[in-house]
Amino acid sequence: MRDRTKLFGLALIALLFMALFIGIGLNADNYQYFLSRRVPKVLAMVLAGIALAQATLTFQTITDNRILTPSIMGFDSLYLLTQVLVVAASGSMGYFTVNEYANFALSLTVMVGFSVVLFSFYFKGERLNLMMLLLLGVILGQLFGNLSSFFIMMMDPNEFASVQENMFASFNNVKVELVYICGPVLALVTLLLYKQHRTLDVFWLGKDNAMGLGVNVKAVSMRVLVLTAILVSISTALIGPIMFFGFLVCNLTREMFNTYEHKTLLLASSLLSVAALLSGQWIIENAFGFSTTLSVVINFIGGIYFLSLLLRNKIS
């Protein structure tokens, strides 16, 4: 099957479930209320799906490893720690807690700053020490998680309630204010990544060959990794942390599409991500009656797929 046909099929699935989410049960009496609830929810899943897919794909390209994701590097834990510290410092009614725009701007600044510091360490020497980056990211992720747990234990129950919604992925409590501000930010970051697609293709040849072809590997890598941090901030702010989803989508995309071109892979992973989120959440709501959550299913399937890749020795 040609890649163009596969892309068309994924787009059709995504549009179908968007229509199901928005259109079922609408009538002349209730359409205003239902649309005000459903449209932001669908947009949040679309934006988060695109952000997660592109962040993971470019992150794996830069680090040249199919098991690495921004989640493994501690970005999700850092986002949660930021939310906990905001509530601990200013209370559940503080400015950065109540104002969604200020909260998002603060979280974005912290995560981008963290990525710059972390990846500056990675690119510090002449030889890029991938294992050191991985080890440092895992350790910092555990540290952020433990610090979050420590401050949560000291919180007032009312303050904890305002943090709890950020601890788990949720598609039913979408922050409407963030949906419409994240859209333009995501569009800008996606455009910047797309402009780098030819350079990212060269990274498949290895960093030494890329440097030999005139690519400034360190500058491009730092630029792309900062954009990745922004994408992770968007997805986590909209729906919460989903550890294995980006890993699952990107590896399935590489198996479905026999191409090295990032202009195709970026689009394909985004469509697959959106189609998976929309179809999965619709099935959870309508077939299983909310008896489980999509994040649990994703992490279960993603964990099994992760182990299967390791056992098949397909990690490159």
C-alpha atoms as a PDB file:
ATOM      1  CA  MET A   1       0.000   0.000   0.000  1.00  0.00           C
ATOM      2  CA  ARG A   2       1.367   3.424  -0.938  1.00  0.00           C
ATOM      3  CA  ASP A   3       2.213   5.937   1.769  1.00  0.00           C
ATOM      4  CA  ARG A   4      -0.233   8.458   0.326  1.00  0.00           C
ATOM      5  CA  THR A   5      -3.067   5.943   0.651  1.00  0.00           C
ATOM      6  CA  LYS A   6      -2.101   5.224   4.251  1.00  0.00           C
ATOM      7  CA  LEU A   7      -2.064   8.942   5.045  1.00  0.00           C
ATOM      8  CA  PHE A   8      -5.493   9.345   3.497  1.00  0.00           C
ATOM      9  CA  GLY A   9      -6.800   6.410   5.546  1.00  0.00           C
ATOM     10  CA  LEU A  10      -5.479   7.834   8.820  1.00  0.00           C
ATOM     11  CA  ALA A  11      -6.936  11.254   8.019  1.00  0.00           C
ATOM     12  CA  LEU A  12     -10.295   9.641   7.235  1.00  0.00           C
ATOM     13  CA  ILE A  13     -10.307   7.772  10.567  1.00  0.00           C
ATOM     14  CA  ALA A  14      -9.452  10.949  12.458  1.00  0.00           C
ATOM     15  CA  LEU A  15     -12.201  12.933  10.697  1.00  0.00           C
ATOM     16  CA  LEU A  16     -14.716  10.137  11.263  1.00  0.00           C
ATOM     17  CA  PHE A  17     -14.207  10.045  15.018  1.00  0.00           C
ATOM     18  CA  MET A  18     -14.129  13.843  15.193  1.00  0.00           C
ATOM     19  CA  ALA A  19     -17.550  13.816  13.565  1.00  0.00           C
ATOM     20  CA  LEU A  20     -18.778  11.119  15.972  1.00  0.00           C
ATOM     21  CA  PHE A  21     -17.559  13.042  19.004  1.00  0.00           C
ATOM     22  CA  ILE A  22     -19.118  16.317  17.891  1.00  0.00           C
ATOM     23  CA  GLY A  23     -22.221  15.247  15.992  1.00  0.00           C
ATOM     24  CA  ILE A  24     -23.900  12.397  17.882  1.00  0.00           C
ATOM     25  CA  GLY A  25     -26.966  13.523  19.802  1.00  0.00           C
ATOM     26  CA  LEU A  26     -27.032  17.088  18.500  1.00  0.00           C
ATOM     27  CA  ASN A  27     -30.390  18.731  17.860  1.00  0.00           C
ATOM     28  CA  ALA A  28     -31.828  22.215  17.616  1.00  0.00           C
ATOM     29  CA  ASP A  29     -32.369  22.414  21.385  1.00  0.00           C
ATOM     30  CA  ASN A  30     -29.008  21.285  22.742  1.00  0.00           C
ATOM     31  CA  TYR A  31     -26.424  22.010  20.038  1.00  0.00           C
ATOM     32  CA  GLN A  32     -25.079  25.196  21.668  1.00  0.00           C
ATOM     33  CA  TYR A  33     -24.332  23.516  24.978  1.00  0.00           C
ATOM     34  CA  PHE A  34     -22.951  20.314  23.446  1.00  0.00           C
ATOM     35  CA  LEU A  35     -20.741  22.145  20.968  1.00  0.00           C
ATOM     36  CA  SER A  36     -19.323  24.345  23.728  1.00  0.00           C
ATOM     37  CA  ARG A  37     -18.315  21.173  25.584  1.00  0.00           C
ATOM     38  CA  ARG A  38     -17.315  18.870  22.751  1.00  0.00           C
ATOM     39  CA  VAL A  39     -15.358  21.140  20.405  1.00  0.00           C
ATOM     40  CA  PRO A  40     -12.691  22.133  22.999  1.00  0.00           C
ATOM     41  CA  LYS A  41     -12.368  18.489  24.053  1.00  0.00           C
ATOM     42  CA  VAL A  42     -11.796  17.319  20.476  1.00  0.00           C
ATOM     43  CA  LEU A  43      -9.410  20.194  19.751  1.00  0.00           C
ATOM     44  CA  ALA A  44      -7.426  19.369  22.899  1.00  0.00           C
ATOM     45  CA  MET A  45      -6.986  15.763  21.776  1.00  0.00           C
ATOM     46  CA  VAL A  46      -5.993  16.848  18.271  1.00  0.00           C
ATOM     47  CA  LEU A  47      -3.444  19.395  19.499  1.00  0.00           C
ATOM     48  CA  ALA A  48      -2.024  17.073  22.163  1.00  0.00           C
ATOM     49  CA  GLY A  49      -1.783  14.193  19.695  1.00  0.00           C
ATOM     50  CA  ILE A  50       0.136  16.273  17.168  1.00  0.00           C
ATOM     51  CA  ALA A  51       2.423  17.713  19.839  1.00  0.00           C
ATOM     52  CA  LEU A  52       3.251  14.318  21.370  1.00  0.00           C
ATOM     53  CA  ALA A  53       3.912  12.649  18.011  1.00  0.00           C
ATOM     54  CA  GLN A  54       6.171  15.360  16.638  1.00  0.00           C
ATOM     55  CA  ALA A  55       8.033  15.836  19.909  1.00  0.00           C
ATOM     56  CA  THR A  56       8.848  12.139  20.199  1.00  0.00           C
ATOM     57  CA  LEU A  57       9.729  11.660  16.530  1.00  0.00           C
ATOM     58  CA  THR A  58      12.187  14.545  16.398  1.00  0.00           C
ATOM     59  CA  PHE A  59      13.602  13.652  19.817  1.00  0.00           C
ATOM     60  CA  GLN A  60      14.341  10.115  18.635  1.00  0.00           C
ATOM     61  CA  THR A  61      15.923  11.436  15.445  1.00  0.00           C
ATOM     62  CA  ILE A  62      18.237  13.822  17.269  1.00  0.00           C
ATOM     63  CA  THR A  63      19.292  11.251  19.872  1.00  0.00           C
ATOM     64  CA  ASP A  64      19.375   8.441  17.263  1.00  0.00           C
ATOM     65  CA  ASN A  65      17.525   6.052  19.549  1.00  0.00           C
ATOM     66  CA  ARG A  66      14.027   4.611  19.199  1.00  0.00           C
ATOM     67  CA  ILE A  67      13.413   4.010  22.903  1.00  0.00           C
ATOM     68  CA  LEU A  68      14.034   7.547  24.108  1.00  0.00           C
ATOM     69  CA  THR A  69      11.088   9.865  24.630  1.00  0.00           C
ATOM     70  CA  PRO A  70      10.815  13.264  26.311  1.00  0.00           C
ATOM     71  CA  SER A  71       8.803  11.549  29.084  1.00  0.00           C
ATOM     72  CA  ILE A  72      11.725   9.279  29.936  1.00  0.00           C
ATOM     73  CA  MET A  73      13.929  12.360  30.190  1.00  0.00           C
ATOM     74  CA  GLY A  74      11.777  13.722  33.028  1.00  0.00           C
ATOM     75  CA  PHE A  75       9.757  16.427  31.276  1.00  0.00           C
ATOM     76  CA  ASP A  76       6.414  15.149  32.569  1.00  0.00           C
ATOM     77  CA  SER A  77       7.759  14.944  36.114  1.00  0.00           C
ATOM     78  CA  LEU A  78       9.142  18.469  35.850  1.00  0.00           C
ATOM     79  CA  TYR A  79       5.748  19.765  34.680  1.00  0.00           C
ATOM     80  CA  LEU A  80       4.036  18.143  37.664  1.00  0.00           C
ATOM     81  CA  LEU A  81       6.668  19.501  40.063  1.00  0.00           C
ATOM     82  CA  THR A  82       6.111  22.986  38.656  1.00  0.00           C
ATOM     83  CA  GLN A  83       2.369  22.694  39.286  1.00  0.00           C
ATOM     84  CA  VAL A  84       2.951  21.415  42.824  1.00  0.00           C
ATOM     85  CA  LEU A  85       5.399  24.212  43.669  1.00  0.00           C
ATOM     86  CA  VAL A  86       3.031  26.844  42.277  1.00  0.00           C
ATOM     87  CA  VAL A  87       0.226  25.657  44.551  1.00  0.00           C
ATOM     88  CA  ALA A  88       2.568  25.165  47.521  1.00  0.00           C
ATOM     89  CA  ALA A  89       3.977  28.687  47.139  1.00  0.00           C
ATOM     90  CA  SER A  90       0.847  30.687  46.307  1.00  0.00           C
ATOM     91  CA  GLY A  91      -2.035  28.464  47.398  1.00  0.00           C
ATOM     92  CA  SER A  92      -4.959  27.088  45.433  1.00  0.00           C
ATOM     93  CA  MET A  93      -6.237  30.622  44.746  1.00  0.00           C
ATOM     94  CA  GLY A  94      -2.898  32.158  43.815  1.00  0.00           C
ATOM     95  CA  TYR A  95      -2.393  34.067  40.568  1.00  0.00           C
ATOM     96  CA  PHE A  96      -0.346  31.383  38.810  1.00  0.00           C
ATOM     97  CA  THR A  97      -2.790  28.705  39.960  1.00  0.00           C
ATOM     98  CA  VAL A  98      -6.008  30.387  38.896  1.00  0.00           C
ATOM     99  CA  ASN A  99      -4.801  32.138  35.745  1.00  0.00           C
ATOM    100  CA  GLU A 100      -4.387  29.418  33.093  1.00  0.00           C
ATOM    101  CA  TYR A 101      -2.378  31.673  30.762  1.00  0.00           C
ATOM    102  CA  ALA A 102       0.125  32.661  33.458  1.00  0.00           C
ATOM    103  CA  ASN A 103       0.408  29.057  34.603  1.00  0.00           C
ATOM    104  CA  PHE A 104       1.074  27.828  31.077  1.00  0.00           C
ATOM    105  CA  ALA A 105       3.649  30.578  30.436  1.00  0.00           C
ATOM    106  CA  LEU A 106       5.462  29.710  33.672  1.00  0.00           C
ATOM    107  CA  SER A 107       5.450  25.975  32.941  1.00  0.00           C
ATOM    108  CA  LEU A 108       6.667  26.584  29.400  1.00  0.00           C
ATOM    109  CA  THR A 109       9.510  28.796  30.624  1.00  0.00           C
ATOM    110  CA  VAL A 110      10.608  26.253  33.236  1.00  0.00           C
ATOM    111  CA  MET A 111      10.571  23.326  30.820  1.00  0.00           C
ATOM    112  CA  VAL A 112      12.410  25.166  28.056  1.00  0.00           C
ATOM    113  CA  GLY A 113      14.988  26.388  30.572  1.00  0.00           C
ATOM    114  CA  PHE A 114      15.434  22.858  31.879  1.00  0.00           C
ATOM    115  CA  SER A 115      15.861  21.488  28.356  1.00  0.00           C
ATOM    116  CA  VAL A 116      18.522  24.100  27.547  1.00  0.00           C
ATOM    117  CA  VAL A 117      20.491  23.238  30.697  1.00  0.00           C
ATOM    118  CA  LEU A 118      20.114  19.473  30.217  1.00  0.00           C
ATOM    119  CA  PHE A 119      21.033  19.419  26.554  1.00  0.00           C
ATOM    120  CA  SER A 120      23.860  21.901  27.034  1.00  0.00           C
ATOM    121  CA  PHE A 121      25.395  19.265  29.278  1.00  0.00           C
ATOM    122  CA  TYR A 122      24.769  16.690  26.558  1.00  0.00           C
ATOM    123  CA  PHE A 123      26.492  18.773  23.868  1.00  0.00           C
ATOM    124  CA  LYS A 124      29.275  20.022  26.113  1.00  0.00           C
ATOM    125  CA  GLY A 125      32.040  17.678  24.971  1.00  0.00           C
ATOM    126  CA  GLU A 126      33.301  16.745  21.573  1.00  0.00           C
ATOM    127  CA  ARG A 127      31.758  13.279  21.848  1.00  0.00           C
ATOM    128  CA  LEU A 128      28.024  13.124  22.535  1.00  0.00           C
ATOM    129  CA  ASN A 129      27.489  10.826  25.511  1.00  0.00           C
ATOM    130  CA  LEU A 130      23.998   9.436  24.939  1.00  0.00           C
ATOM    131  CA  MET A 131      24.073   7.066  27.906  1.00  0.00           C
ATOM    132  CA  MET A 132      25.033   9.903  30.237  1.00  0.00           C
ATOM    133  CA  LEU A 133      22.115  11.973  28.928  1.00  0.00           C
ATOM    134  CA  LEU A 134      19.735   9.062  29.439  1.00  0.00           C
ATOM    135  CA  LEU A 135      21.008   8.367  32.946  1.00  0.00           C
ATOM    136  CA  LEU A 136      20.858  12.018  33.915  1.00  0.00           C
ATOM    137  CA  GLY A 137      17.335  12.393  32.535  1.00  0.00           C
ATOM    138  CA  VAL A 138      16.041   9.307  34.366  1.00  0.00           C
ATOM    139  CA  ILE A 139      17.641  10.401  37.647  1.00  0.00           C
ATOM    140  CA  LEU A 140      16.262  13.934  37.358  1.00  0.00           C
ATOM    141  CA  GLY A 141      12.834  12.551  36.479  1.00  0.00           C
ATOM    142  CA  GLN A 142      12.876  10.431  39.648  1.00  0.00           C
ATOM    143  CA  LEU A 143      14.092  13.414  41.659  1.00  0.00           C
ATOM    144  CA  PHE A 144      11.293  15.642  40.355  1.00  0.00           C
ATOM    145  CA  GLY A 145       8.738  12.920  41.050  1.00  0.00           C
ATOM    146  CA  ASN A 146       9.968  12.413  44.617  1.00  0.00           C
ATOM    147  CA  LEU A 147       9.991  16.149  45.275  1.00  0.00           C
ATOM    148  CA  SER A 148       6.423  16.382  43.991  1.00  0.00           C
ATOM    149  CA  SER A 149       5.355  13.571  46.328  1.00  0.00           C
ATOM    150  CA  PHE A 150       7.100  15.273  49.256  1.00  0.00           C
ATOM    151  CA  PHE A 151       5.352  18.605  48.747  1.00  0.00           C
ATOM    152  CA  ILE A 152       2.007  16.914  48.078  1.00  0.00           C
ATOM    153  CA  MET A 153       2.217  15.123  51.449  1.00  0.00           C
ATOM    154  CA  MET A 154       2.640  18.498  53.153  1.00  0.00           C
ATOM    155  CA  MET A 155      -0.288  20.131  51.354  1.00  0.00           C
ATOM    156  CA  ASP A 156      -3.680  21.021  52.660  1.00  0.00           C
ATOM    157  CA  PRO A 157      -6.334  18.681  51.158  1.00  0.00           C
ATOM    158  CA  ASN A 158      -7.999  21.609  49.376  1.00  0.00           C
ATOM    159  CA  GLU A 159      -4.708  22.588  47.759  1.00  0.00           C
ATOM    160  CA  PHE A 160      -4.038  18.980  46.791  1.00  0.00           C
ATOM    161  CA  ALA A 161      -7.366  18.885  44.926  1.00  0.00           C
ATOM    162  CA  SER A 162      -6.169  21.668  42.621  1.00  0.00           C
ATOM    163  CA  VAL A 163      -2.971  19.729  41.860  1.00  0.00           C
ATOM    164  CA  GLN A 164      -4.594  16.329  41.424  1.00  0.00           C
ATOM    165  CA  GLU A 165      -6.125  17.154  38.035  1.00  0.00           C
ATOM    166  CA  ASN A 166      -2.616  17.689  36.627  1.00  0.00           C
ATOM    167  CA  MET A 167      -1.271  14.350  37.882  1.00  0.00           C
ATOM    168  CA  PHE A 168      -3.109  12.123  35.412  1.00  0.00           C
ATOM    169  CA  ALA A 169      -4.094  12.340  31.775  1.00  0.00           C
ATOM    170  CA  SER A 170      -7.698  13.488  31.393  1.00  0.00           C
ATOM    171  CA  PHE A 171      -9.786  14.134  28.293  1.00  0.00           C
ATOM    172  CA  ASN A 172     -12.951  15.194  30.089  1.00  0.00           C
ATOM    173  CA  ASN A 173     -11.659  18.188  32.073  1.00  0.00           C
ATOM    174  CA  VAL A 174     -10.101  20.150  29.247  1.00  0.00           C
ATOM    175  CA  LYS A 175      -8.808  23.639  30.017  1.00  0.00           C
ATOM    176  CA  VAL A 176     -10.730  25.553  27.374  1.00  0.00           C
ATOM    177  CA  GLU A 177      -8.612  28.686  27.777  1.00  0.00           C
ATOM    178  CA  LEU A 178      -5.440  26.794  26.888  1.00  0.00           C
ATOM    179  CA  VAL A 179      -6.916  25.101  23.826  1.00  0.00           C
ATOM    180  CA  TYR A 180      -7.165  28.335  21.898  1.00  0.00           C
ATOM    181  CA  ILE A 181      -3.781  29.693  22.962  1.00  0.00           C
ATOM    182  CA  CYS A 182      -1.943  26.406  22.362  1.00  0.00           C
ATOM    183  CA  GLY A 183      -3.241  26.184  18.787  1.00  0.00           C
ATOM    184  CA  PRO A 184      -1.177  29.108  17.402  1.00  0.00           C
ATOM    185  CA  VAL A 185       1.882  28.073  19.439  1.00  0.00           C
ATOM    186  CA  LEU A 186       1.652  24.520  18.098  1.00  0.00           C
ATOM    187  CA  ALA A 187       1.206  25.788  14.529  1.00  0.00           C
ATOM    188  CA  LEU A 188       4.370  27.916  14.835  1.00  0.00           C
ATOM    189  CA  VAL A 189       6.455  25.094  16.318  1.00  0.00           C
ATOM    190  CA  THR A 190       5.168  22.625  13.698  1.00  0.00           C
ATOM    191  CA  LEU A 191       6.134  25.045  10.936  1.00  0.00           C
ATOM    192  CA  LEU A 192       9.630  25.485  12.379  1.00  0.00           C
ATOM    193  CA  LEU A 193      10.098  21.719  12.618  1.00  0.00           C
ATOM    194  CA  TYR A 194       8.841  21.192   9.083  1.00  0.00           C
ATOM    195  CA  LYS A 195      11.395  23.684   7.799  1.00  0.00           C
ATOM    196  CA  GLN A 196      14.062  21.447   9.361  1.00  0.00           C
ATOM    197  CA  HIS A 197      12.817  18.242   7.705  1.00  0.00           C
ATOM    198  CA  ARG A 198      15.629  17.978   5.135  1.00  0.00           C
ATOM    199  CA  THR A 199      18.247  18.557   7.815  1.00  0.00           C
ATOM    200  CA  LEU A 200      16.607  15.949  10.043  1.00  0.00           C
ATOM    201  CA  ASP A 201      16.731  13.481   7.144  1.00  0.00           C
ATOM    202  CA  VAL A 202      20.505  13.843   7.102  1.00  0.00           C
ATOM    203  CA  PHE A 203      20.654  12.805  10.768  1.00  0.00           C
ATOM    204  CA  TRP A 204      19.685   9.278   9.644  1.00  0.00           C
ATOM    205  CA  LEU A 205      23.210   9.016   8.200  1.00  0.00           C
ATOM    206  CA  GLY A 206      24.775   9.540  11.616  1.00  0.00           C
ATOM    207  CA  LYS A 207      26.119  12.654  13.255  1.00  0.00           C
ATOM    208  CA  ASP A 208      29.612  12.296  11.784  1.00  0.00           C
ATOM    209  CA  ASN A 209      28.259  12.054   8.241  1.00  0.00           C
ATOM    210  CA  ALA A 210      25.881  14.933   8.906  1.00  0.00           C
ATOM    211  CA  MET A 211      28.775  17.112  10.038  1.00  0.00           C
ATOM    212  CA  GLY A 212      30.712  16.059   6.947  1.00  0.00           C
ATOM    213  CA  LEU A 213      27.794  17.269   4.809  1.00  0.00           C
ATOM    214  CA  GLY A 214      27.920  20.695   6.434  1.00  0.00           C
ATOM    215  CA  VAL A 215      25.217  20.343   9.102  1.00  0.00           C
ATOM    216  CA  ASN A 216      25.873  22.159  12.376  1.00  0.00           C
ATOM    217  CA  VAL A 217      24.779  19.187  14.468  1.00  0.00           C
ATOM    218  CA  LYS A 218      24.958  20.846  17.868  1.00  0.00           C
ATOM    219  CA  ALA A 219      23.068  23.989  16.831  1.00  0.00           C
ATOM    220  CA  VAL A 220      20.343  22.073  14.999  1.00  0.00           C
ATOM    221  CA  SER A 221      19.997  19.559  17.828  1.00  0.00           C
ATOM    222  CA  MET A 222      19.666  22.260  20.468  1.00  0.00           C
ATOM    223  CA  ARG A 223      17.086  24.126  18.370  1.00  0.00           C
ATOM    224  CA  VAL A 224      15.007  21.023  17.774  1.00  0.00           C
ATOM    225  CA  LEU A 225      15.201  19.876  21.392  1.00  0.00           C
ATOM    226  CA  VAL A 226      13.969  23.253  22.656  1.00  0.00           C
ATOM    227  CA  LEU A 227      11.037  22.994  20.248  1.00  0.00           C
ATOM    228  CA  THR A 228      10.448  19.489  21.609  1.00  0.00           C
ATOM    229  CA  ALA A 229      10.216  20.871  25.143  1.00  0.00           C
ATOM    230  CA  ILE A 230       7.581  23.357  23.970  1.00  0.00           C
ATOM    231  CA  LEU A 231       5.559  20.549  22.365  1.00  0.00           C
ATOM    232  CA  VAL A 232       5.718  18.481  25.561  1.00  0.00           C
ATOM    233  CA  SER A 233       4.527  21.512  27.538  1.00  0.00           C
ATOM    234  CA  ILE A 234       1.542  21.879  25.211  1.00  0.00           C
ATOM    235  CA  SER A 235       0.492  18.238  25.364  1.00  0.00           C
ATOM    236  CA  THR A 236       0.955  17.926  29.123  1.00  0.00           C
ATOM    237  CA  ALA A 237      -0.892  21.176  29.823  1.00  0.00           C
ATOM    238  CA  LEU A 238      -3.848  20.085  27.684  1.00  0.00           C
ATOM    239  CA  ILE A 239      -4.381  16.442  28.666  1.00  0.00           C
ATOM    240  CA  GLY A 240      -1.728  15.535  31.236  1.00  0.00           C
ATOM    241  CA  PRO A 241       1.187  13.079  31.088  1.00  0.00           C
ATOM    242  CA  ILE A 242       0.951   9.933  28.918  1.00  0.00           C
ATOM    243  CA  MET A 243       4.282   8.174  29.202  1.00  0.00           C
ATOM    244  CA  PHE A 244       4.235   5.612  26.390  1.00  0.00           C
ATOM    245  CA  PHE A 245       1.952   7.238  23.837  1.00  0.00           C
ATOM    246  CA  GLY A 246       4.557   9.135  21.819  1.00  0.00           C
ATOM    247  CA  PHE A 247       6.866   6.121  21.829  1.00  0.00           C
ATOM    248  CA  LEU A 248       4.057   3.851  20.637  1.00  0.00           C
ATOM    249  CA  VAL A 249       2.876   6.165  17.856  1.00  0.00           C
ATOM    250  CA  CYS A 250       6.323   6.963  16.455  1.00  0.00           C
ATOM    251  CA  ASN A 251       7.503   3.369  16.309  1.00  0.00           C
ATOM    252  CA  LEU A 252       4.264   2.217  14.702  1.00  0.00           C
ATOM    253  CA  THR A 253       4.616   5.039  12.164  1.00  0.00           C
ATOM    254  CA  ARG A 254       8.106   3.867  11.217  1.00  0.00           C
ATOM    255  CA  GLU A 255       6.803   0.335  10.721  1.00  0.00           C
ATOM    256  CA  MET A 256       3.800   1.465   8.663  1.00  0.00           C
ATOM    257  CA  PHE A 257       5.644   3.941   6.429  1.00  0.00           C
ATOM    258  CA  ASN A 258       8.733   2.734   4.606  1.00  0.00           C
ATOM    259  CA  THR A 259      10.390   6.118   4.238  1.00  0.00           C
ATOM    260  CA  TYR A 260      13.172   8.151   5.774  1.00  0.00           C
ATOM    261  CA  GLU A 261      11.686  11.557   4.875  1.00  0.00           C
ATOM    262  CA  HIS A 262      10.597  13.554   7.894  1.00  0.00           C
ATOM    263  CA  LYS A 263       8.096  15.559   5.862  1.00  0.00           C
ATOM    264  CA  THR A 264       6.120  12.305   5.543  1.00  0.00           C
ATOM    265  CA  LEU A 265       6.915  10.925   8.995  1.00  0.00           C
ATOM    266  CA  LEU A 266       5.898  14.132  10.795  1.00  0.00           C
ATOM    267  CA  LEU A 267       2.539  14.172   9.040  1.00  0.00           C
ATOM    268  CA  ALA A 268       2.001  10.415   9.380  1.00  0.00           C
ATOM    269  CA  SER A 269       2.816  10.293  13.092  1.00  0.00           C
ATOM    270  CA  SER A 270       0.555  13.283  13.737  1.00  0.00           C
ATOM    271  CA  LEU A 271      -2.375  11.698  11.886  1.00  0.00           C
ATOM    272  CA  LEU A 272      -1.839   8.325  13.565  1.00  0.00           C
ATOM    273  CA  SER A 273      -1.633  10.001  16.957  1.00  0.00           C
ATOM    274  CA  VAL A 274      -4.840  11.986  16.463  1.00  0.00           C
ATOM    275  CA  ALA A 275      -6.682   8.972  15.041  1.00  0.00           C
ATOM    276  CA  ALA A 276      -5.552   6.779  17.961  1.00  0.00           C
ATOM    277  CA  LEU A 277      -6.526   9.308  20.628  1.00  0.00           C
ATOM    278  CA  LEU A 278      -9.935  10.076  19.146  1.00  0.00           C
ATOM    279  CA  SER A 279     -10.877   6.472  18.362  1.00  0.00           C
ATOM    280  CA  GLY A 280      -9.526   5.191  21.680  1.00  0.00           C
ATOM    281  CA  GLN A 281     -11.362   7.761  23.777  1.00  0.00           C
ATOM    282  CA  TRP A 282     -14.586   7.250  21.822  1.00  0.00           C
ATOM    283  CA  ILE A 283     -14.409   3.483  22.392  1.00  0.00           C
ATOM    284  CA  ILE A 284     -13.661   3.985  26.102  1.00  0.00           C
ATOM    285  CA  GLU A 285     -16.697   6.243  26.486  1.00  0.00           C
ATOM    286  CA  ASN A 286     -19.204   4.377  24.336  1.00  0.00           C
ATOM    287  CA  ALA A 287     -18.153   0.722  24.408  1.00  0.00           C
ATOM    288  CA  PHE A 288     -16.727   0.472  27.930  1.00  0.00           C
ATOM    289  CA  GLY A 289     -18.823   3.174  29.597  1.00  0.00           C
ATOM    290  CA  PHE A 290     -15.834   4.873  31.281  1.00  0.00           C
ATOM    291  CA  SER A 291     -15.004   1.629  33.126  1.00  0.00           C
ATOM    292  CA  THR A 292     -11.340   2.402  32.448  1.00  0.00           C
ATOM    293  CA  THR A 293      -9.298   5.337  31.156  1.00  0.00           C
ATOM    294  CA  LEU A 294      -7.465   5.726  27.869  1.00  0.00           C
ATOM    295  CA  SER A 295      -4.173   6.559  29.576  1.00  0.00           C
ATOM    296  CA  VAL A 296      -4.210   3.194  31.379  1.00  0.00           C
ATOM    297  CA  VAL A 297      -4.841   1.340  28.098  1.00  0.00           C
ATOM    298  CA  ILE A 298      -2.115   3.308  26.297  1.00  0.00           C
ATOM    299  CA  ASN A 299       0.486   2.669  29.000  1.00  0.00           C
ATOM    300  CA  PHE A 300      -0.413  -1.041  29.093  1.00  0.00           C
ATOM    301  CA  ILE A 301      -0.155  -1.485  25.312  1.00  0.00           C
ATOM    302  CA  GLY A 302       2.884   0.790  25.102  1.00  0.00           C
ATOM    303  CA  GLY A 303       4.702  -1.177  27.799  1.00  0.00           C
ATOM    304  CA  ILE A 304       4.078  -4.474  26.008  1.00  0.00           C
ATOM    305  CA  TYR A 305       5.192  -2.992  22.682  1.00  0.00           C
ATOM    306  CA  PHE A 306       8.321  -1.565  24.320  1.00  0.00           C
ATOM    307  CA  LEU A 307       9.266  -4.994  25.646  1.00  0.00           C
ATOM    308  CA  SER A 308       8.531  -6.625  22.287  1.00  0.00           C
ATOM    309  CA  LEU A 309      10.904  -4.235  20.534  1.00  0.00           C
ATOM    310  CA  LEU A 310      13.633  -5.055  23.016  1.00  0.00           C
ATOM    311  CA  LEU A 311      13.091  -8.794  22.629  1.00  0.00           C
ATOM    312  CA  ARG A 312      13.135  -8.540  18.835  1.00  0.00           C
ATOM    313  CA  ASN A 313      16.351  -6.473  18.956  1.00  0.00           C
ATOM    314  CA  LYS A 314      14.843  -3.827  16.703  1.00  0.00           C
ATOM    315  CA  ILE A 315      16.066  -0.876  18.708  1.00  0.00           C
ATOM    316  CA  SER A 316      18.543   1.168  16.706  1.00  0.00           C
END
